[in-house]
Protein backbone atom coordinates (compact mmCIF):
# COMPACT_ATOMS: atom_id res chain seq x y z
CA MET A 1 166.36 258.33 108.30
CA LEU A 2 162.78 257.08 108.59
CA ILE A 3 161.47 256.36 112.09
CA LEU A 4 158.21 254.53 112.84
CA GLY A 5 156.83 255.65 116.19
CA ILE A 6 154.23 253.75 118.22
CA GLU A 7 152.28 255.11 121.21
CA THR A 8 149.82 253.08 123.33
CA SER A 9 150.36 254.33 126.87
CA CYS A 10 146.68 254.91 127.66
CA ASP A 11 143.66 254.86 125.37
CA GLU A 12 144.96 256.20 122.04
CA THR A 13 146.45 253.78 119.53
CA ALA A 14 148.89 255.91 117.54
CA ALA A 15 151.55 255.42 114.88
CA ALA A 16 153.60 257.94 112.92
CA VAL A 17 156.39 258.01 110.36
CA LEU A 18 158.94 260.84 110.55
CA ARG A 19 161.92 261.68 108.41
CA ASP A 20 165.05 262.78 110.29
CA GLY A 21 163.09 263.44 113.46
CA GLU A 22 161.40 266.58 112.15
CA GLU A 23 159.33 265.99 109.01
CA ILE A 24 156.01 264.32 109.82
CA LEU A 25 155.12 262.06 106.89
CA SER A 26 152.10 260.60 108.71
CA SER A 27 150.52 260.67 112.15
CA ILE A 28 147.57 258.40 112.84
CA VAL A 29 145.62 258.32 116.11
CA SER A 30 142.74 255.94 116.81
CA SER A 31 140.73 257.27 119.75
CA GLN A 32 138.80 255.14 122.24
CA VAL A 33 136.66 258.00 123.58
CA GLU A 34 133.38 256.40 122.50
CA ILE A 35 134.27 253.14 124.25
CA HIS A 36 135.09 254.77 127.59
CA ARG A 37 132.48 257.55 127.51
CA GLU A 38 129.78 255.60 129.33
CA TYR A 39 132.19 254.99 132.23
CA GLY A 40 133.34 258.62 132.50
CA GLY A 41 137.00 257.54 132.37
CA VAL A 42 139.42 255.03 130.89
CA VAL A 43 138.81 251.37 131.77
CA PRO A 44 142.29 249.76 131.58
CA GLU A 45 141.14 246.29 130.48
CA LEU A 46 138.97 247.67 127.71
CA ALA A 47 141.79 249.97 126.60
CA SER A 48 144.33 247.17 126.24
CA ARG A 49 141.90 244.95 124.34
CA GLN A 50 141.11 247.77 121.93
CA HIS A 51 144.81 248.41 121.34
CA ILE A 52 145.19 244.78 120.26
CA GLN A 53 142.45 245.28 117.67
CA ASN A 54 143.75 248.66 116.49
CA ILE A 55 147.53 248.31 116.41
CA CYS A 56 147.90 246.54 113.04
CA PRO A 57 145.49 248.74 111.04
CA VAL A 58 146.83 251.93 112.65
CA VAL A 59 150.46 251.08 111.76
CA ASP A 60 149.42 250.00 108.25
CA THR A 61 147.60 253.29 107.75
CA ALA A 62 150.58 255.31 108.98
CA LEU A 63 152.88 253.53 106.53
CA ARG A 64 150.41 253.95 103.67
CA ARG A 65 149.89 257.66 104.36
CA ALA A 66 153.66 258.15 104.49
CA ARG A 67 153.99 256.20 101.24
CA VAL A 68 156.65 253.91 102.64
CA THR A 69 156.88 250.18 103.22
CA LEU A 70 158.19 248.43 106.31
CA PRO A 71 161.56 247.46 104.76
CA ARG A 72 162.29 251.19 104.28
CA ILE A 73 161.90 251.93 108.00
CA ASP A 74 165.30 252.54 109.60
CA ALA A 75 164.31 252.30 113.27
CA LEU A 76 161.36 251.77 115.63
CA ALA A 77 160.46 253.98 118.58
CA ALA A 78 157.83 252.98 121.13
CA THR A 79 156.57 254.26 124.47
CA TYR A 80 157.51 251.92 127.32
CA GLY A 81 156.19 253.94 130.27
CA PRO A 82 154.68 255.44 132.26
CA GLY A 83 151.06 254.48 131.58
CA LEU A 84 148.63 251.59 131.83
CA ILE A 85 150.64 248.38 131.83
CA GLY A 86 148.28 246.44 129.55
CA SER A 87 148.19 249.26 127.04
CA LEU A 88 151.95 249.78 127.11
CA LEU A 89 152.62 246.11 126.48
CA VAL A 90 150.62 246.09 123.24
CA GLY A 91 152.55 248.88 121.54
CA LEU A 92 155.96 247.94 122.93
CA SER A 93 155.56 244.25 122.05
CA TYR A 94 154.47 245.14 118.52
CA ALA A 95 157.46 247.46 118.06
CA LYS A 96 159.87 244.85 119.45
CA ALA A 97 158.50 242.24 117.05
CA LEU A 98 158.95 244.57 114.09
CA ALA A 99 162.46 245.53 115.20
CA TYR A 100 163.41 241.86 115.48
CA ALA A 101 161.82 240.85 112.17
CA LEU A 102 163.33 243.77 110.25
CA GLY A 103 166.69 243.74 112.01
CA ARG A 104 166.27 247.39 112.95
CA PRO A 105 167.14 249.21 116.19
CA LEU A 106 164.47 249.88 118.81
CA VAL A 107 164.34 253.08 120.87
CA ALA A 108 162.37 253.04 124.14
CA ILE A 109 160.59 256.32 124.87
CA ASN A 110 159.48 257.84 128.16
CA HIS A 111 155.95 259.17 127.66
CA LEU A 112 156.56 262.29 129.77
CA GLU A 113 159.73 263.16 127.88
CA ALA A 114 157.85 262.71 124.60
CA HIS A 115 155.24 265.28 125.69
CA ILE A 116 158.01 267.75 126.51
CA HIS A 117 159.72 267.00 123.21
CA SER A 118 156.48 267.61 121.27
CA VAL A 119 157.10 271.34 121.75
CA PHE A 120 160.35 271.10 119.77
CA LEU A 121 158.60 269.71 116.68
CA GLU A 122 157.22 273.18 115.93
CA ASN A 123 159.59 275.46 117.85
CA LYS A 124 163.20 275.50 116.69
CA SER A 125 164.52 278.41 118.75
CA ILE A 126 163.71 277.52 122.36
CA GLU A 127 166.07 279.15 124.82
CA PHE A 128 167.52 277.36 127.83
CA PRO A 129 167.37 276.94 130.72
CA ALA A 130 163.65 276.16 130.59
CA LEU A 131 160.77 275.00 132.74
CA ALA A 132 158.48 272.28 131.38
CA LEU A 133 154.95 271.47 132.50
CA VAL A 134 153.36 268.16 131.48
CA VAL A 135 149.65 268.37 132.24
CA SER A 136 147.30 265.61 131.11
CA GLY A 137 144.73 263.06 132.23
CA GLY A 138 147.35 260.90 133.88
CA HIS A 139 150.16 263.30 134.73
CA THR A 140 150.85 266.72 136.18
CA SER A 141 154.59 267.26 136.50
CA LEU A 142 156.92 270.24 136.48
CA PHE A 143 160.54 269.97 135.31
CA TYR A 144 163.62 272.17 135.06
CA LEU A 145 165.69 271.75 131.89
CA PRO A 146 169.20 273.25 132.05
CA ALA A 147 169.57 272.01 128.45
CA GLN A 148 167.63 269.89 125.98
CA PHE A 149 167.35 266.23 127.06
CA SER A 150 168.39 267.13 130.61
CA TYR A 151 165.66 267.00 133.26
CA GLN A 152 165.25 267.80 136.93
CA LEU A 153 161.86 266.95 138.45
CA LEU A 154 160.61 269.88 140.52
CA GLY A 155 157.14 268.66 141.42
CA SER A 156 154.35 266.25 140.51
CA THR A 157 150.81 265.56 141.62
CA ARG A 158 150.33 263.76 144.91
CA ASP A 159 146.86 262.51 143.97
CA ASP A 160 144.70 263.29 140.93
CA ALA A 161 146.23 264.64 137.75
CA ALA A 162 144.73 267.86 136.40
CA GLY A 163 143.01 266.12 133.48
CA GLU A 164 141.65 263.47 135.82
CA ALA A 165 140.10 266.21 137.98
CA TYR A 166 138.43 267.65 134.88
CA ASP A 167 136.98 264.25 134.00
CA LYS A 168 135.70 263.58 137.52
CA VAL A 169 134.03 266.98 137.84
CA ALA A 170 132.41 266.56 134.43
CA LYS A 171 131.19 263.10 135.42
CA LEU A 172 129.77 264.44 138.70
CA LEU A 173 127.79 267.08 136.80
CA ASN A 174 126.70 264.67 134.03
CA LEU A 175 128.42 266.81 131.40
CA GLY A 176 130.00 264.00 129.41
CA TYR A 177 133.47 262.66 128.66
CA PRO A 178 136.24 263.68 128.22
CA GLY A 179 135.69 266.43 130.75
CA GLY A 180 138.50 268.82 129.80
CA PRO A 181 137.22 270.02 126.42
CA ILE A 182 133.63 270.19 127.72
CA ILE A 183 134.48 272.31 130.77
CA ASP A 184 136.78 274.53 128.70
CA GLN A 185 133.90 275.15 126.30
CA LEU A 186 131.30 275.84 129.02
CA SER A 187 133.44 277.94 131.35
CA PRO A 188 133.16 281.23 129.40
CA ARG A 189 129.40 281.15 130.08
CA GLY A 190 129.95 281.26 133.83
CA ASN A 191 131.38 283.57 136.47
CA PRO A 192 134.78 282.22 137.61
CA LYS A 193 134.41 284.08 140.92
CA ALA A 194 130.92 282.77 141.71
CA VAL A 195 132.04 279.75 143.76
CA ALA A 196 134.90 279.97 146.26
CA LEU A 197 137.04 276.86 145.85
CA PRO A 198 140.35 276.07 147.58
CA VAL A 199 143.83 275.96 146.09
CA ALA A 200 145.73 273.15 147.81
CA LYS A 201 148.60 274.26 150.03
CA ILE A 202 151.43 271.73 150.36
CA SER A 203 152.64 271.99 153.95
CA ASP A 204 156.28 271.19 153.20
CA GLY A 205 156.53 274.04 150.69
CA SER A 206 157.34 271.74 147.78
CA LEU A 207 156.37 272.32 144.16
CA ASP A 208 154.06 269.29 144.16
CA PHE A 209 150.46 269.58 143.01
CA SER A 210 147.23 268.31 144.56
CA PHE A 211 143.76 268.38 143.00
CA SER A 212 141.76 265.89 145.08
CA GLY A 213 140.74 268.60 147.55
CA LEU A 214 139.47 270.81 144.72
CA LYS A 215 137.45 267.92 143.32
CA THR A 216 135.99 267.19 146.78
CA ALA A 217 135.12 270.89 147.27
CA VAL A 218 133.12 270.80 144.04
CA LEU A 219 131.29 267.69 145.26
CA ARG A 220 130.47 269.32 148.62
CA TRP A 221 129.16 272.47 146.89
CA VAL A 222 126.92 270.36 144.66
CA GLU A 223 125.58 268.49 147.69
CA ARG A 224 124.98 271.65 149.75
CA ASN A 225 123.08 273.29 146.95
CA ASN A 226 121.18 270.14 145.85
CA LEU A 227 122.34 270.91 142.32
CA LEU A 228 121.80 267.44 140.90
CA GLU A 229 118.33 267.08 142.45
CA ALA A 230 117.12 270.45 141.18
CA LYS A 231 114.74 270.51 138.23
CA ASP A 232 116.22 271.53 134.92
CA SER A 233 115.97 275.28 134.50
CA GLU A 234 117.94 278.27 133.29
CA ALA A 235 118.94 278.95 136.89
CA LYS A 236 120.32 275.41 137.35
CA GLN A 237 122.20 275.65 134.07
CA GLN A 238 123.76 278.95 135.14
CA HIS A 239 124.81 277.42 138.46
CA ILE A 240 126.61 274.70 136.51
CA TYR A 241 128.31 277.25 134.25
CA ASP A 242 129.43 279.24 137.29
CA LEU A 243 130.69 276.12 139.05
CA VAL A 244 132.75 274.79 136.15
CA ALA A 245 134.14 278.28 135.48
CA SER A 246 135.18 278.57 139.13
CA PHE A 247 136.65 275.05 139.08
CA GLN A 248 138.71 275.73 135.97
CA GLN A 249 139.91 279.10 137.25
CA THR A 250 140.99 277.54 140.57
CA LEU A 251 142.83 274.67 138.87
CA ILE A 252 144.65 277.09 136.58
CA LYS A 253 145.48 279.29 139.58
CA SER A 254 147.13 276.28 141.22
CA LEU A 255 149.27 275.63 138.14
CA LEU A 256 150.21 279.31 137.83
CA GLY A 257 151.24 279.47 141.47
CA LYS A 258 153.66 276.55 141.16
CA ILE A 259 155.15 277.86 137.92
CA THR A 260 155.65 281.29 139.45
CA LYS A 261 157.41 279.78 142.46
CA ALA A 262 159.52 277.51 140.24
CA ALA A 263 160.58 280.45 138.09
CA ARG A 264 161.78 282.31 141.17
CA LEU A 265 163.71 279.31 142.50
CA HIS A 266 165.04 278.19 139.12
CA PRO A 267 165.49 281.18 136.78
CA ALA A 268 164.63 280.20 133.21
CA LYS A 269 164.08 281.72 129.78
CA SER A 270 161.29 279.49 128.48
CA LEU A 271 158.25 277.51 129.59
CA LEU A 272 157.34 274.38 127.63
CA VAL A 273 153.81 273.03 128.09
CA GLY A 274 152.74 269.60 126.83
CA GLY A 275 150.02 267.03 127.44
CA GLY A 276 146.33 266.88 126.65
CA VAL A 277 145.32 269.66 129.06
CA ALA A 278 147.70 271.97 127.17
CA CYS A 279 144.89 272.21 124.57
CA ASN A 280 142.84 274.15 127.12
CA GLN A 281 142.34 277.67 125.78
CA ALA A 282 141.97 279.34 129.18
CA LEU A 283 145.16 277.67 130.41
CA ARG A 284 147.10 278.78 127.34
CA MET A 285 145.93 282.36 127.74
CA GLU A 286 146.65 282.55 131.47
CA LEU A 287 150.05 280.86 131.19
CA THR A 288 151.07 283.20 128.37
CA ARG A 289 150.10 286.21 130.48
CA ARG A 290 151.93 284.92 133.54
CA CYS A 291 155.05 284.12 131.50
CA GLN A 292 155.11 287.66 130.15
CA ARG A 293 155.16 288.93 133.72
CA LEU A 294 157.91 286.47 134.65
CA GLY A 295 160.05 287.20 131.60
CA LEU A 296 159.54 283.72 130.13
CA LYS A 297 158.59 282.74 126.57
CA ALA A 298 155.71 280.25 126.62
CA HIS A 299 155.74 277.45 124.04
CA PHE A 300 152.79 275.14 123.30
CA PRO A 301 152.43 272.37 120.71
CA SER A 302 149.51 272.45 118.30
CA PRO A 303 146.45 270.63 119.70
CA GLU A 304 147.11 267.47 117.68
CA LEU A 305 150.56 267.23 119.27
CA CYS A 306 149.28 267.95 122.80
CA THR A 307 147.17 264.82 123.10
CA ASP A 308 148.82 261.38 122.96
CA ASN A 309 150.37 260.85 119.53
CA ALA A 310 153.21 258.92 117.94
CA ALA A 311 154.82 261.81 116.08
CA MET A 312 156.42 263.02 119.32
CA VAL A 313 157.57 259.45 120.00
CA ALA A 314 159.15 259.02 116.58
CA SER A 315 160.84 262.42 116.73
CA LEU A 316 162.32 261.81 120.16
CA GLY A 317 163.34 258.33 119.02
CA TYR A 318 165.40 259.80 116.19
CA PHE A 319 167.40 262.03 118.54
CA LYS A 320 167.83 259.24 121.11
CA LEU A 321 169.15 256.95 118.40
CA LYS A 322 171.60 259.63 117.25
CA MET A 323 172.85 259.72 120.86
CA GLY A 324 173.38 255.95 120.78
CA GLN A 325 170.45 255.11 123.04
CA ALA A 326 169.01 252.04 121.31
CA ALA A 327 167.20 249.65 123.65
CA PRO A 328 167.65 245.88 124.03
CA LEU A 329 164.76 243.74 122.78
CA GLU A 330 164.54 242.28 126.30
CA LEU A 331 163.27 245.64 127.56
CA ASP A 332 159.99 245.45 129.46
CA ALA A 333 157.25 248.04 129.91
CA ASP A 334 157.33 250.12 133.09
CA ALA A 335 153.96 251.54 134.16
CA SER A 336 155.50 253.73 136.87
CA LEU A 337 158.53 254.95 134.91
CA LYS A 338 159.99 258.25 136.12
CA LEU A 339 161.74 261.05 134.29
CA ALA A 340 164.76 262.51 136.13
């Protein structure tokens, strides 16, 4: 069975062709980083307009790389939420049109579930029950999975997502965009204990996350030390290295604390980590160490499957279709769609 997957939930226009939900015949991603770089973050209107320009050539390229034609496609899978509504509508509408024209079934995919499922594309022996962390520019959510395709939401961010905090700190320090890869690259040059930054404490004891206070603490430290007004020097550069190292260490500490608490409340055998921030090398290392202490096996997708892509959408679509979960063509996008 050949599945064409389409993903346009934020600022990546992506299409992929998979055979039987596992073999990736093609996976094409058109990035909009250069368009949004000058703003230090994604501009929704610009993102949706760019998707309109990119969707046809991206799908055509995916089909060509897979060496298949549209009539050979057995089903369509497309993200319908959560995400930016304008962006979602482009990919979903395109997939619905193809499904109608070809007379093929359409499978609607939850973006968060796709990120969790991306782990299964390269890991065939995941043990359950499991915990799953989705950590990206738009989402930071923790789930409990008693079995595959079964989800219980344990906690999510109450304000900024982890990736959003990275971007905002990088923008504050004029480091560039996207902030995550830049800060991950610079952090080893700094002392992660140089700047004392707070880990948010949720008063009700929940497993929710919060990163706005951390971001504000970075801003206040910059203001107190006149970091942006200081002349360029080796000392200023080292202050920046120390600050971003301390920021990253504190953010990771927050994630580790919630996972540790979740593992005690919901005993599991595995931890699945997906989303763009799962590319972060420091996070991978620290999570792997913590999981060893907790008796969990940590599973991460390869970097190309961490960031938004359509291979995870097509793969999940195959399994959803096998479970009889085709969607009606009247389905609409849902920017605030939940999982569990």
